[in-house]
PDB file of N, CA and C in Angstrom:
ATOM      1  N   MET A   1     122.262 117.211  96.591  1.00  0.00           N
ATOM      2  CA  MET A   1     120.947 117.180  97.193  1.00  0.00           C
ATOM      3  C   MET A   1     121.099 117.140  98.710  1.00  0.00           C
ATOM      4  N   GLU A   2     120.281 117.932  99.399  1.00  0.00           N
ATOM      5  CA  GLU A   2     120.344 117.963 100.860  1.00  0.00           C
ATOM      6  C   GLU A   2     119.784 116.681 101.460  1.00  0.00           C
ATOM      7  N   LYS A   3     120.197 116.409 102.667  1.00  0.00           N
ATOM      8  CA  LYS A   3     119.740 115.197 103.347  1.00  0.00           C
ATOM      9  C   LYS A   3     118.305 115.414 103.844  1.00  0.00           C
ATOM     10  N   PRO A   4     117.405 114.489 103.527  1.00  0.00           N
ATOM     11  CA  PRO A   4     115.998 114.680 103.915  1.00  0.00           C
ATOM     12  C   PRO A   4     115.715 114.268 105.352  1.00  0.00           C
ATOM     13  N   ARG A   5     114.583 114.733 105.838  1.00  0.00           N
ATOM     14  CA  ARG A   5     114.089 114.314 107.145  1.00  0.00           C
ATOM     15  C   ARG A   5     113.661 112.859 107.062  1.00  0.00           C
ATOM     16  N   LEU A   6     113.710 112.174 108.184  1.00  0.00           N
ATOM     17  CA  LEU A   6     113.340 110.769 108.230  1.00  0.00           C
ATOM     18  C   LEU A   6     111.883 110.553 107.842  1.00  0.00           C
ATOM     19  N   ASP A   7     110.962 111.343 108.402  1.00  0.00           N
ATOM     20  CA  ASP A   7     109.546 111.147 108.087  1.00  0.00           C
ATOM     21  C   ASP A   7     109.249 111.400 106.612  1.00  0.00           C
ATOM     22  N   LYS A   8     109.910 112.382 106.042  1.00  0.00           N
ATOM     23  CA  LYS A   8     109.697 112.690 104.625  1.00  0.00           C
ATOM     24  C   LYS A   8     110.258 111.581 103.736  1.00  0.00           C
ATOM     25  N   TRP A   9     111.425 111.048 104.094  1.00  0.00           N
ATOM     26  CA  TRP A   9     112.016 109.978 103.291  1.00  0.00           C
ATOM     27  C   TRP A   9     111.157 108.719 103.337  1.00  0.00           C
ATOM     28  N   LEU A  10     110.636 108.371 104.525  1.00  0.00           N
ATOM     29  CA  LEU A  10     109.776 107.192 104.648  1.00  0.00           C
ATOM     30  C   LEU A  10     108.527 107.342 103.783  1.00  0.00           C
ATOM     31  N   TRP A  11     107.998 108.555 103.708  1.00  0.00           N
ATOM     32  CA  TRP A  11     106.833 108.821 102.874  1.00  0.00           C
ATOM     33  C   TRP A  11     107.214 108.740 101.388  1.00  0.00           C
ATOM     34  N   GLN A  12     108.348 109.325 101.013  1.00  0.00           N
ATOM     35  CA  GLN A  12     108.794 109.292  99.614  1.00  0.00           C
ATOM     36  C   GLN A  12     109.107 107.876  99.164  1.00  0.00           C
ATOM     37  N   ALA A  13     109.620 107.049 100.059  1.00  0.00           N
ATOM     38  CA  ALA A  13     109.949 105.664  99.729  1.00  0.00           C
ATOM     39  C   ALA A  13     108.709 104.770  99.768  1.00  0.00           C
ATOM     40  N   ARG A  14     107.564 105.368 100.028  1.00  0.00           N
ATOM     41  CA  ARG A  14     106.267 104.678 100.057  1.00  0.00           C
ATOM     42  C   ARG A  14     106.210 103.570 101.102  1.00  0.00           C
ATOM     43  N   LEU A  15     106.900 103.782 102.213  1.00  0.00           N
ATOM     44  CA  LEU A  15     106.831 102.835 103.319  1.00  0.00           C
ATOM     45  C   LEU A  15     105.658 103.165 104.238  1.00  0.00           C
ATOM     46  N   PHE A  16     105.188 104.425 104.165  1.00  0.00           N
ATOM     47  CA  PHE A  16     104.001 104.868 104.886  1.00  0.00           C
ATOM     48  C   PHE A  16     103.157 105.704 103.934  1.00  0.00           C
ATOM     49  N   LYS A  17     101.860 105.670 104.146  1.00  0.00           N
ATOM     50  CA  LYS A  17     100.935 106.334 103.246  1.00  0.00           C
ATOM     51  C   LYS A  17     101.014 107.856 103.350  1.00  0.00           C
ATOM     52  N   THR A  18     101.243 108.371 104.556  1.00  0.00           N
ATOM     53  CA  THR A  18     101.354 109.811 104.749  1.00  0.00           C
ATOM     54  C   THR A  18     102.544 110.126 105.657  1.00  0.00           C
ATOM     55  N   ARG A  19     102.974 111.380 105.635  1.00  0.00           N
ATOM     56  CA  ARG A  19     104.057 111.803 106.520  1.00  0.00           C
ATOM     57  C   ARG A  19     103.599 111.783 107.969  1.00  0.00           C
ATOM     58  N   VAL A  20     102.341 112.073 108.191  1.00  0.00           N
ATOM     59  CA  VAL A  20     101.807 112.069 109.556  1.00  0.00           C
ATOM     60  C   VAL A  20     101.892 110.659 110.147  1.00  0.00           C
ATOM     61  N   LEU A  21     101.527 109.645 109.356  1.00  0.00           N
ATOM     62  CA  LEU A  21     101.637 108.267 109.829  1.00  0.00           C
ATOM     63  C   LEU A  21     103.090 107.891 110.094  1.00  0.00           C
ATOM     64  N   ALA A  22     103.982 108.323 109.216  1.00  0.00           N
ATOM     65  CA  ALA A  22     105.403 108.036 109.397  1.00  0.00           C
ATOM     66  C   ALA A  22     105.904 108.675 110.693  1.00  0.00           C
ATOM     67  N   ALA A  23     105.559 109.936 110.921  1.00  0.00           N
ATOM     68  CA  ALA A  23     106.002 110.637 112.124  1.00  0.00           C
ATOM     69  C   ALA A  23     105.425 109.980 113.372  1.00  0.00           C
ATOM     70  N   ARG A  24     104.181 109.527 113.306  1.00  0.00           N
ATOM     71  CA  ARG A  24     103.546 108.869 114.447  1.00  0.00           C
ATOM     72  C   ARG A  24     104.280 107.577 114.800  1.00  0.00           C
ATOM     73  N   GLU A  25     104.644 106.793 113.792  1.00  0.00           N
ATOM     74  CA  GLU A  25     105.366 105.537 114.040  1.00  0.00           C
ATOM     75  C   GLU A  25     106.773 105.794 114.573  1.00  0.00           C
ATOM     76  N   ILE A  26     107.409 106.849 114.100  1.00  0.00           N
ATOM     77  CA  ILE A  26     108.752 107.189 114.583  1.00  0.00           C
ATOM     78  C   ILE A  26     108.681 107.586 116.053  1.00  0.00           C
ATOM     79  N   ARG A  27     107.722 108.463 116.401  1.00  0.00           N
ATOM     80  CA  ARG A  27     107.574 108.898 117.787  1.00  0.00           C
ATOM     81  C   ARG A  27     107.219 107.742 118.713  1.00  0.00           C
ATOM     82  N   ALA A  28     106.493 106.753 118.194  1.00  0.00           N
ATOM     83  CA  ALA A  28     106.112 105.588 119.001  1.00  0.00           C
ATOM     84  C   ALA A  28     107.288 104.641 119.207  1.00  0.00           C
ATOM     85  N   GLY A  29     108.403 104.874 118.524  1.00  0.00           N
ATOM     86  CA  GLY A  29     109.581 104.026 118.684  1.00  0.00           C
ATOM     87  C   GLY A  29     109.595 102.823 117.767  1.00  0.00           C
ATOM     88  N   HIS A  30     108.738 102.800 116.758  1.00  0.00           N
ATOM     89  CA  HIS A  30     108.673 101.668 115.838  1.00  0.00           C
ATOM     90  C   HIS A  30     109.687 101.781 114.709  1.00  0.00           C
ATOM     91  N   VAL A  31     110.345 102.937 114.595  1.00  0.00           N
ATOM     92  CA  VAL A  31     111.371 103.135 113.566  1.00  0.00           C
ATOM     93  C   VAL A  31     112.664 103.534 114.272  1.00  0.00           C
ATOM     94  N   ARG A  32     113.724 102.810 113.953  1.00  0.00           N
ATOM     95  CA  ARG A  32     115.043 103.111 114.522  1.00  0.00           C
ATOM     96  C   ARG A  32     116.049 103.308 113.403  1.00  0.00           C
ATOM     97  N   VAL A  33     116.990 104.205 113.636  1.00  0.00           N
ATOM     98  CA  VAL A  33     118.053 104.464 112.665  1.00  0.00           C
ATOM     99  C   VAL A  33     119.367 104.054 113.306  1.00  0.00           C
ATOM    100  N   ASN A  34     120.057 103.117 112.672  1.00  0.00           N
ATOM    101  CA  ASN A  34     121.323 102.577 113.182  1.00  0.00           C
ATOM    102  C   ASN A  34     121.181 102.097 114.631  1.00  0.00           C
ATOM    103  N   GLY A  35     120.028 101.521 114.949  1.00  0.00           N
ATOM    104  CA  GLY A  35     119.784 100.949 116.266  1.00  0.00           C
ATOM    105  C   GLY A  35     119.325 101.929 117.327  1.00  0.00           C
ATOM    106  N   ALA A  36     119.282 103.219 117.004  1.00  0.00           N
ATOM    107  CA  ALA A  36     118.902 104.227 117.993  1.00  0.00           C
ATOM    108  C   ALA A  36     117.506 104.766 117.724  1.00  0.00           C
ATOM    109  N   ARG A  37     116.796 105.069 118.795  1.00  0.00           N
ATOM    110  CA  ARG A  37     115.485 105.698 118.675  1.00  0.00           C
ATOM    111  C   ARG A  37     115.707 107.155 118.294  1.00  0.00           C
ATOM    112  N   VAL A  38     114.962 107.647 117.319  1.00  0.00           N
ATOM    113  CA  VAL A  38     115.185 108.993 116.792  1.00  0.00           C
ATOM    114  C   VAL A  38     113.878 109.772 116.711  1.00  0.00           C
ATOM    115  N   ARG A  39     113.992 111.023 116.287  1.00  0.00           N
ATOM    116  CA  ARG A  39     112.833 111.883 116.101  1.00  0.00           C
ATOM    117  C   ARG A  39     112.524 111.985 114.604  1.00  0.00           C
ATOM    118  N   PRO A  40     111.297 112.392 114.239  1.00  0.00           N
ATOM    119  CA  PRO A  40     110.932 112.490 112.823  1.00  0.00           C
ATOM    120  C   PRO A  40     111.783 113.472 112.025  1.00  0.00           C
ATOM    121  N   SER A  41     112.355 114.461 112.694  1.00  0.00           N
ATOM    122  CA  SER A  41     113.120 115.491 111.992  1.00  0.00           C
ATOM    123  C   SER A  41     114.581 115.113 111.759  1.00  0.00           C
ATOM    124  N   ARG A  42     114.991 113.928 112.138  1.00  0.00           N
ATOM    125  CA  ARG A  42     116.391 113.521 111.986  1.00  0.00           C
ATOM    126  C   ARG A  42     116.785 113.482 110.520  1.00  0.00           C
ATOM    127  N   SER A  43     117.949 114.022 110.201  1.00  0.00           N
ATOM    128  CA  SER A  43     118.472 113.968 108.833  1.00  0.00           C
ATOM    129  C   SER A  43     119.095 112.604 108.585  1.00  0.00           C
ATOM    130  N   LEU A  44     118.903 112.112 107.384  1.00  0.00           N
ATOM    131  CA  LEU A  44     119.423 110.798 107.027  1.00  0.00           C
ATOM    132  C   LEU A  44     120.704 110.920 106.220  1.00  0.00           C
ATOM    133  N   ALA A  45     121.486 109.863 106.220  1.00  0.00           N
ATOM    134  CA  ALA A  45     122.703 109.790 105.420  1.00  0.00           C
ATOM    135  C   ALA A  45     122.661 108.501 104.605  1.00  0.00           C
ATOM    136  N   HIS A  46     123.450 108.466 103.543  1.00  0.00           N
ATOM    137  CA  HIS A  46     123.540 107.241 102.750  1.00  0.00           C
ATOM    138  C   HIS A  46     124.062 106.115 103.633  1.00  0.00           C
ATOM    139  N   LYS A  47     123.590 104.918 103.386  1.00  0.00           N
ATOM    140  CA  LYS A  47     123.979 103.693 104.087  1.00  0.00           C
ATOM    141  C   LYS A  47     123.498 103.625 105.542  1.00  0.00           C
ATOM    142  N   ASP A  48     122.583 104.519 105.946  1.00  0.00           N
ATOM    143  CA  ASP A  48     121.967 104.367 107.263  1.00  0.00           C
ATOM    144  C   ASP A  48     121.120 103.101 107.247  1.00  0.00           C
ATOM    145  N   LEU A  49     121.046 102.426 108.380  1.00  0.00           N
ATOM    146  CA  LEU A  49     120.250 101.206 108.502  1.00  0.00           C
ATOM    147  C   LEU A  49     118.990 101.525 109.290  1.00  0.00           C
ATOM    148  N   LEU A  50     117.840 101.329 108.661  1.00  0.00           N
ATOM    149  CA  LEU A  50     116.552 101.570 109.302  1.00  0.00           C
ATOM    150  C   LEU A  50     115.958 100.246 109.745  1.00  0.00           C
ATOM    151  N   ALA A  51     115.372 100.225 110.922  1.00  0.00           N
ATOM    152  CA  ALA A  51     114.630  99.062 111.416  1.00  0.00           C
ATOM    153  C   ALA A  51     113.210  99.529 111.681  1.00  0.00           C
ATOM    154  N   ILE A  52     112.265  99.011 110.905  1.00  0.00           N
ATOM    155  CA  ILE A  52     110.867  99.404 111.019  1.00  0.00           C
ATOM    156  C   ILE A  52     110.092  98.213 111.552  1.00  0.00           C
ATOM    157  N   ARG A  53     109.506  98.382 112.741  1.00  0.00           N
ATOM    158  CA  ARG A  53     108.739  97.296 113.344  1.00  0.00           C
ATOM    159  C   ARG A  53     107.348  97.278 112.727  1.00  0.00           C
ATOM    160  N   ARG A  54     107.044  96.175 112.085  1.00  0.00           N
ATOM    161  CA  ARG A  54     105.741  95.983 111.455  1.00  0.00           C
ATOM    162  C   ARG A  54     104.980  94.929 112.238  1.00  0.00           C
ATOM    163  N   GLU A  55     103.792  94.617 111.798  1.00  0.00           N
ATOM    164  CA  GLU A  55     102.990  93.615 112.478  1.00  0.00           C
ATOM    165  C   GLU A  55     103.559  92.228 112.185  1.00  0.00           C
ATOM    166  N   GLY A  56     104.200  91.616 113.159  1.00  0.00           N
ATOM    167  CA  GLY A  56     104.702  90.264 113.022  1.00  0.00           C
ATOM    168  C   GLY A  56     106.161  90.142 112.617  1.00  0.00           C
ATOM    169  N   TYR A  57     106.834  91.235 112.286  1.00  0.00           N
ATOM    170  CA  TYR A  57     108.244  91.167 111.887  1.00  0.00           C
ATOM    171  C   TYR A  57     108.875  92.557 111.952  1.00  0.00           C
ATOM    172  N   VAL A  58     110.197  92.603 111.817  1.00  0.00           N
ATOM    173  CA  VAL A  58     110.933  93.866 111.767  1.00  0.00           C
ATOM    174  C   VAL A  58     111.579  93.959 110.397  1.00  0.00           C
ATOM    175  N   GLN A  59     111.314  95.039 109.696  1.00  0.00           N
ATOM    176  CA  GLN A  59     111.852  95.245 108.347  1.00  0.00           C
ATOM    177  C   GLN A  59     113.123  96.082 108.462  1.00  0.00           C
ATOM    178  N   GLN A  60     114.234  95.560 107.941  1.00  0.00           N
ATOM    179  CA  GLN A  60     115.497  96.288 107.974  1.00  0.00           C
ATOM    180  C   GLN A  60     115.847  96.737 106.567  1.00  0.00           C
ATOM    181  N   LEU A  61     116.134  98.047 106.439  1.00  0.00           N
ATOM    182  CA  LEU A  61     116.419  98.644 105.137  1.00  0.00           C
ATOM    183  C   LEU A  61     117.707  99.431 105.193  1.00  0.00           C
ATOM    184  N   ARG A  62     118.473  99.370 104.115  1.00  0.00           N
ATOM    185  CA  ARG A  62     119.688 100.168 103.970  1.00  0.00           C
ATOM    186  C   ARG A  62     119.373 101.281 102.968  1.00  0.00           C
ATOM    187  N   ILE A  63     119.594 102.540 103.359  1.00  0.00           N
ATOM    188  CA  ILE A  63     119.296 103.670 102.479  1.00  0.00           C
ATOM    189  C   ILE A  63     120.331 103.729 101.361  1.00  0.00           C
ATOM    190  N   VAL A  64     119.828 103.781 100.128  1.00  0.00           N
ATOM    191  CA  VAL A  64     120.699 103.812  98.961  1.00  0.00           C
ATOM    192  C   VAL A  64     120.699 105.188  98.313  1.00  0.00           C
ATOM    193  N   ASP A  65     119.542 105.830  98.264  1.00  0.00           N
ATOM    194  CA  ASP A  65     119.420 107.097  97.544  1.00  0.00           C
ATOM    195  C   ASP A  65     118.344 107.963  98.181  1.00  0.00           C
ATOM    196  N   PHE A  66     118.322 109.220  97.785  1.00  0.00           N
ATOM    197  CA  PHE A  66     117.295 110.158  98.201  1.00  0.00           C
ATOM    198  C   PHE A  66     116.511 110.593  96.980  1.00  0.00           C
ATOM    199  N   ALA A  67     115.280 111.039  97.184  1.00  0.00           N
ATOM    200  CA  ALA A  67     114.429 111.457  96.074  1.00  0.00           C
ATOM    201  C   ALA A  67     114.073 112.931  96.229  1.00  0.00           C
ATOM    202  N   ALA A  68     113.853 113.578  95.092  1.00  0.00           N
ATOM    203  CA  ALA A  68     113.429 114.974  95.111  1.00  0.00           C
ATOM    204  C   ALA A  68     111.913 115.072  95.297  1.00  0.00           C
ATOM    205  N   ARG A  69     111.203 113.996  94.942  1.00  0.00           N
ATOM    206  CA  ARG A  69     109.744 113.996  95.054  1.00  0.00           C
ATOM    207  C   ARG A  69     109.277 112.583  95.348  1.00  0.00           C
ATOM    208  N   ARG A  70     107.995 112.459  95.658  1.00  0.00           N
ATOM    209  CA  ARG A  70     107.409 111.128  95.891  1.00  0.00           C
ATOM    210  C   ARG A  70     106.953 110.594  94.543  1.00  0.00           C
ATOM    211  N   GLY A  71     107.697 109.653  94.021  1.00  0.00           N
ATOM    212  CA  GLY A  71     107.407 109.118  92.705  1.00  0.00           C
ATOM    213  C   GLY A  71     106.605 107.842  92.757  1.00  0.00           C
ATOM    214  N   PRO A  72     106.509 107.166  91.628  1.00  0.00           N
ATOM    215  CA  PRO A  72     105.781 105.904  91.568  1.00  0.00           C
ATOM    216  C   PRO A  72     106.497 104.813  92.376  1.00  0.00           C
ATOM    217  N   PRO A  73     105.792 103.724  92.689  1.00  0.00           N
ATOM    218  CA  PRO A  73     106.382 102.659  93.514  1.00  0.00           C
ATOM    219  C   PRO A  73     107.679 102.071  92.953  1.00  0.00           C
ATOM    220  N   LYS A  74     107.797 101.971  91.643  1.00  0.00           N
ATOM    221  CA  LYS A  74     109.036 101.417  91.072  1.00  0.00           C
ATOM    222  C   LYS A  74     110.230 102.309  91.370  1.00  0.00           C
ATOM    223  N   GLU A  75     110.045 103.630  91.322  1.00  0.00           N
ATOM    224  CA  GLU A  75     111.131 104.556  91.666  1.00  0.00           C
ATOM    225  C   GLU A  75     111.404 104.507  93.170  1.00  0.00           C
ATOM    226  N   ALA A  76     110.361 104.412  93.956  1.00  0.00           N
ATOM    227  CA  ALA A  76     110.514 104.391  95.414  1.00  0.00           C
ATOM    228  C   ALA A  76     111.289 103.162  95.871  1.00  0.00           C
ATOM    229  N   ALA A  77     111.107 102.049  95.204  1.00  0.00           N
ATOM    230  CA  ALA A  77     111.807 100.813  95.576  1.00  0.00           C
ATOM    231  C   ALA A  77     113.309 100.914  95.347  1.00  0.00           C
ATOM    232  N   LEU A  78     113.748 101.861  94.539  1.00  0.00           N
ATOM    233  CA  LEU A  78     115.177 102.045  94.272  1.00  0.00           C
ATOM    234  C   LEU A  78     115.876 102.863  95.354  1.00  0.00           C
ATOM    235  N   LEU A  79     115.128 103.412  96.295  1.00  0.00           N
ATOM    236  CA  LEU A  79     115.703 104.253  97.337  1.00  0.00           C
ATOM    237  C   LEU A  79     116.326 103.456  98.480  1.00  0.00           C
ATOM    238  N   TYR A  80     116.030 102.159  98.560  1.00  0.00           N
ATOM    239  CA  TYR A  80     116.520 101.348  99.679  1.00  0.00           C
ATOM    240  C   TYR A  80     116.745  99.913  99.236  1.00  0.00           C
ATOM    241  N   LEU A  81     117.523  99.193 100.041  1.00  0.00           N
ATOM    242  CA  LEU A  81     117.735  97.756  99.869  1.00  0.00           C
ATOM    243  C   LEU A  81     117.257  97.062 101.131  1.00  0.00           C
ATOM    244  N   GLU A  82     116.458  96.033 100.955  1.00  0.00           N
ATOM    245  CA  GLU A  82     115.971  95.269 102.097  1.00  0.00           C
ATOM    246  C   GLU A  82     116.903  94.085 102.326  1.00  0.00           C
ATOM    247  N   THR A  83     117.219  93.819 103.592  1.00  0.00           N
ATOM    248  CA  THR A  83     118.091  92.686 103.880  1.00  0.00           C
ATOM    249  C   THR A  83     117.352  91.387 103.581  1.00  0.00           C
ATOM    250  N   LYS A  84     118.097  90.340 103.271  1.00  0.00           N
ATOM    251  CA  LYS A  84     117.503  89.047 102.898  1.00  0.00           C
ATOM    252  C   LYS A  84     116.668  88.450 104.033  1.00  0.00           C
ATOM    253  N   GLU A  85     117.171  88.567 105.283  1.00  0.00           N
ATOM    254  CA  GLU A  85     116.448  87.997 106.414  1.00  0.00           C
ATOM    255  C   GLU A  85     115.074  88.631 106.566  1.00  0.00           C
ATOM    256  N   THR A  86     115.019  89.960 106.449  1.00  0.00           N
ATOM    257  CA  THR A  86     113.734  90.624 106.635  1.00  0.00           C
ATOM    258  C   THR A  86     112.826  90.438 105.430  1.00  0.00           C
ATOM    259  N   GLU A  87     113.405  90.238 104.268  1.00  0.00           N
ATOM    260  CA  GLU A  87     112.578  89.971 103.090  1.00  0.00           C
ATOM    261  C   GLU A  87     111.839  88.641 103.253  1.00  0.00           C
ATOM    262  N   THR A  88     112.551  87.634 103.731  1.00  0.00           N
ATOM    263  CA  THR A  88     111.891  86.339 103.956  1.00  0.00           C
ATOM    264  C   THR A  88     110.888  86.429 105.100  1.00  0.00           C
ATOM    265  N   ALA A  89     111.219  87.202 106.147  1.00  0.00           N
ATOM    266  CA  ALA A  89     110.284  87.376 107.260  1.00  0.00           C
ATOM    267  C   ALA A  89     109.013  88.086 106.793  1.00  0.00           C
ATOM    268  N   ARG A  90     109.167  89.074 105.919  1.00  0.00           N
ATOM    269  CA  ARG A  90     108.010  89.798 105.395  1.00  0.00           C
ATOM    270  C   ARG A  90     107.138  88.883 104.556  1.00  0.00           C
ATOM    271  N   LEU A  91     107.754  88.088 103.689  1.00  0.00           N
ATOM    272  CA  LEU A  91     106.982  87.163 102.852  1.00  0.00           C
ATOM    273  C   LEU A  91     106.290  86.094 103.701  1.00  0.00           C
ATOM    274  N   ASP A  92     106.958  85.629 104.763  1.00  0.00           N
ATOM    275  CA  ASP A  92     106.335  84.666 105.679  1.00  0.00           C
ATOM    276  C   ASP A  92     105.132  85.282 106.386  1.00  0.00           C
ATOM    277  N   ALA A  93     105.265  86.543 106.825  1.00  0.00           N
ATOM    278  CA  ALA A  93     104.160  87.219 107.508  1.00  0.00           C
ATOM    279  C   ALA A  93     102.976  87.400 106.574  1.00  0.00           C
ATOM    280  N   VAL A  94     103.246  87.719 105.308  1.00  0.00           N
ATOM    281  CA  VAL A  94     102.170  87.857 104.322  1.00  0.00           C
ATOM    282  C   VAL A  94     101.483  86.517 104.102  1.00  0.00           C
ATOM    283  N   ALA A  95     102.267  85.455 103.996  1.00  0.00           N
ATOM    284  CA  ALA A  95     101.691  84.119 103.799  1.00  0.00           C
ATOM    285  C   ALA A  95     100.851  83.695 105.005  1.00  0.00           C
ATOM    286  N   ARG A  96     101.347  83.969 106.229  1.00  0.00           N
ATOM    287  CA  ARG A  96     100.576  83.647 107.427  1.00  0.00           C
ATOM    288  C   ARG A  96      99.270  84.420 107.477  1.00  0.00           C
ATOM    289  N   HIS A  97      99.327  85.682 107.083  1.00  0.00           N
ATOM    290  CA  HIS A  97      98.121  86.517 107.083  1.00  0.00           C
ATOM    291  C   HIS A  97      97.095  85.979 106.089  1.00  0.00           C
ATOM    292  N   LYS A  98      97.565  85.635 104.895  1.00  0.00           N
ATOM    293  CA  LYS A  98      96.655  85.096 103.883  1.00  0.00           C
ATOM    294  C   LYS A  98      96.070  83.766 104.327  1.00  0.00           C
ATOM    295  N   ALA A  99      96.878  82.922 104.936  1.00  0.00           N
ATOM    296  CA  ALA A  99      96.388  81.624 105.403  1.00  0.00           C
ATOM    297  C   ALA A  99      95.360  81.794 106.514  1.00  0.00           C
ATOM    298  N   GLY A 100      95.568  82.761 107.372  1.00  0.00           N
ATOM    299  CA  GLY A 100      94.633  83.000 108.468  1.00  0.00           C
ATOM    300  C   GLY A 100      93.305  83.545 107.996  1.00  0.00           C
ATOM    301  N   THR A 101      93.331  84.409 106.987  1.00  0.00           N
ATOM    302  CA  THR A 101      92.081  84.981 106.497  1.00  0.00           C
ATOM    303  C   THR A 101      91.371  84.043 105.534  1.00  0.00           C
ATOM    304  N   ALA A 102      92.099  83.119 104.948  1.00  0.00           N
ATOM    305  CA  ALA A 102      91.476  82.200 103.992  1.00  0.00           C
ATOM    306  C   ALA A 102      90.543  81.222 104.699  1.00  0.00           C
ATOM    307  N   ARG A 103      90.825  80.910 105.961  1.00  0.00           N
ATOM    308  CA  ARG A 103      90.015  79.942 106.701  1.00  0.00           C
ATOM    309  C   ARG A 103      88.761  80.551 107.309  1.00  0.00           C
ATOM    310  N   ALA A 104      88.650  81.853 107.324  1.00  0.00           N
ATOM    311  CA  ALA A 104      87.485  82.484 107.936  1.00  0.00           C
ATOM    312  C   ALA A 104      86.267  82.270 107.032  1.00  0.00           C
ATOM    313  N   PRO A 105      85.229  81.645 107.551  1.00  0.00           N
ATOM    314  CA  PRO A 105      84.054  81.389 106.714  1.00  0.00           C
ATOM    315  C   PRO A 105      83.280  82.672 106.430  1.00  0.00           C
ATOM    316  N   ALA A 106      82.750  82.756 105.233  1.00  0.00           N
ATOM    317  CA  ALA A 106      81.942  83.910 104.859  1.00  0.00           C
ATOM    318  C   ALA A 106      80.561  83.761 105.495  1.00  0.00           C
ATOM    319  N   PRO A 107      80.019  84.847 106.026  1.00  0.00           N
ATOM    320  CA  PRO A 107      78.684  84.751 106.621  1.00  0.00           C
ATOM    321  C   PRO A 107      77.625  84.498 105.550  1.00  0.00           C
ATOM    322  N   ALA A 108      76.542  83.857 105.956  1.00  0.00           N
ATOM    323  CA  ALA A 108      75.456  83.542 105.017  1.00  0.00           C
ATOM    324  C   ALA A 108      74.753  84.810 104.558  1.00  0.00           C
ATOM    325  N   ARG A 109      74.667  85.797 105.465  1.00  0.00           N
ATOM    326  CA  ARG A 109      74.034  87.061 105.107  1.00  0.00           C
ATOM    327  C   ARG A 109      74.623  88.170 105.971  1.00  0.00           C
ATOM    328  N   ARG A 110      74.271  89.404 105.631  1.00  0.00           N
ATOM    329  CA  ARG A 110      74.759  90.542 106.406  1.00  0.00           C
ATOM    330  C   ARG A 110      74.154  90.516 107.800  1.00  0.00           C
ATOM    331  N   PRO A 111      74.929  90.973 108.810  1.00  0.00           N
ATOM    332  CA  PRO A 111      74.358  91.012 110.157  1.00  0.00           C
ATOM    333  C   PRO A 111      73.276  92.083 110.259  1.00  0.00           C
ATOM    334  N   ASP A 112      72.246  91.798 111.040  1.00  0.00           N
ATOM    335  CA  ASP A 112      71.203  92.798 111.239  1.00  0.00           C
ATOM    336  C   ASP A 112      71.666  93.786 112.317  1.00  0.00           C
ATOM    337  N   LYS A 113      70.796  94.724 112.653  1.00  0.00           N
ATOM    338  CA  LYS A 113      71.162  95.793 113.571  1.00  0.00           C
ATOM    339  C   LYS A 113      71.620  95.257 114.931  1.00  0.00           C
ATOM    340  N   ARG A 114      70.900  94.294 115.448  1.00  0.00           N
ATOM    341  CA  ARG A 114      71.240  93.721 116.749  1.00  0.00           C
ATOM    342  C   ARG A 114      72.595  93.015 116.699  1.00  0.00           C
ATOM    343  N   GLN A 115      72.842  92.246 115.652  1.00  0.00           N
ATOM    344  CA  GLN A 115      74.111  91.540 115.512  1.00  0.00           C
ATOM    345  C   GLN A 115      75.277  92.516 115.345  1.00  0.00           C
ATOM    346  N   ARG A 116      75.046  93.610 114.603  1.00  0.00           N
ATOM    347  CA  ARG A 116      76.096  94.619 114.443  1.00  0.00           C
ATOM    348  C   ARG A 116      76.461  95.239 115.781  1.00  0.00           C
ATOM    349  N   ARG A 117      75.458  95.499 116.613  1.00  0.00           N
ATOM    350  CA  ARG A 117      75.719  96.049 117.950  1.00  0.00           C
ATOM    351  C   ARG A 117      76.544  95.074 118.780  1.00  0.00           C
ATOM    352  N   GLU A 118      76.221  93.792 118.700  1.00  0.00           N
ATOM    353  CA  GLU A 118      76.978  92.783 119.437  1.00  0.00           C
ATOM    354  C   GLU A 118      78.414  92.683 118.934  1.00  0.00           C
ATOM    355  N   ILE A 119      78.592  92.782 117.624  1.00  0.00           N
ATOM    356  CA  ILE A 119      79.936  92.737 117.052  1.00  0.00           C
ATOM    357  C   ILE A 119      80.750  93.926 117.549  1.00  0.00           C
ATOM    358  N   ARG A 120      80.166  95.131 117.470  1.00  0.00           N
ATOM    359  CA  ARG A 120      80.866  96.333 117.933  1.00  0.00           C
ATOM    360  C   ARG A 120      81.203  96.217 119.421  1.00  0.00           C
ATOM    361  N   LYS A 121      80.274  95.684 120.194  1.00  0.00           N
ATOM    362  CA  LYS A 121      80.496  95.530 121.640  1.00  0.00           C
ATOM    363  C   LYS A 121      81.634  94.553 121.922  1.00  0.00           C
ATOM    364  N   SER A 122      81.695  93.450 121.163  1.00  0.00           N
ATOM    365  CA  SER A 122      82.765  92.471 121.369  1.00  0.00           C
ATOM    366  C   SER A 122      84.130  93.008 120.940  1.00  0.00           C
ATOM    367  N   LEU A 123      84.143  93.941 119.992  1.00  0.00           N
ATOM    368  CA  LEU A 123      85.398  94.556 119.552  1.00  0.00           C
ATOM    369  C   LEU A 123      85.802  95.731 120.432  1.00  0.00           C
ATOM    370  N   GLY A 124      84.917  96.112 121.353  1.00  0.00           N
ATOM    371  CA  GLY A 124      85.232  97.223 122.255  1.00  0.00           C
ATOM    372  C   GLY A 124      85.041  98.569 121.609  1.00  0.00           C
ATOM    373  N   LYS A 125      84.195  98.660 120.595  1.00  0.00           N
ATOM    374  CA  LYS A 125      83.988  99.916 119.879  1.00  0.00           C
ATOM    375  C   LYS A 125      82.601 100.507 120.122  1.00  0.00           C
ATOM    376  N   GLY A 126      81.926 100.049 121.081  1.00  0.00           N
ATOM    377  CA  GLY A 126      80.591 100.607 121.242  1.00  0.00           C
ATOM    378  C   GLY A 126      80.036 100.324 122.511  1.00  0.00           C
TER     379      GLY A 126
END
């Protein structure tokens, strides 16, 4: 089997929802191969070490296999091995996220038009 492109492999391994998103993250420098910044078209080899910067942690993966197609998540999980340090960091980040959202009180009712405008304005979207 030929060596796949980095963006295609990230998509096949279900680390990104689309190839376009994978390529965008690679170009932004959030994905590194063996410590070096690369382009989306880079060919991968077995045992390459990927570092993917996520929100709140860096996920490090060792490439184990390549796929001919984008399969189900159970097959995709067999394409790489996650290091123990990043696995615990990922689980900690998930726990922190859940704890942070659990404390947010639910509003009594939906915001009206004026309140929605204020919310959008405070978020910088309007």
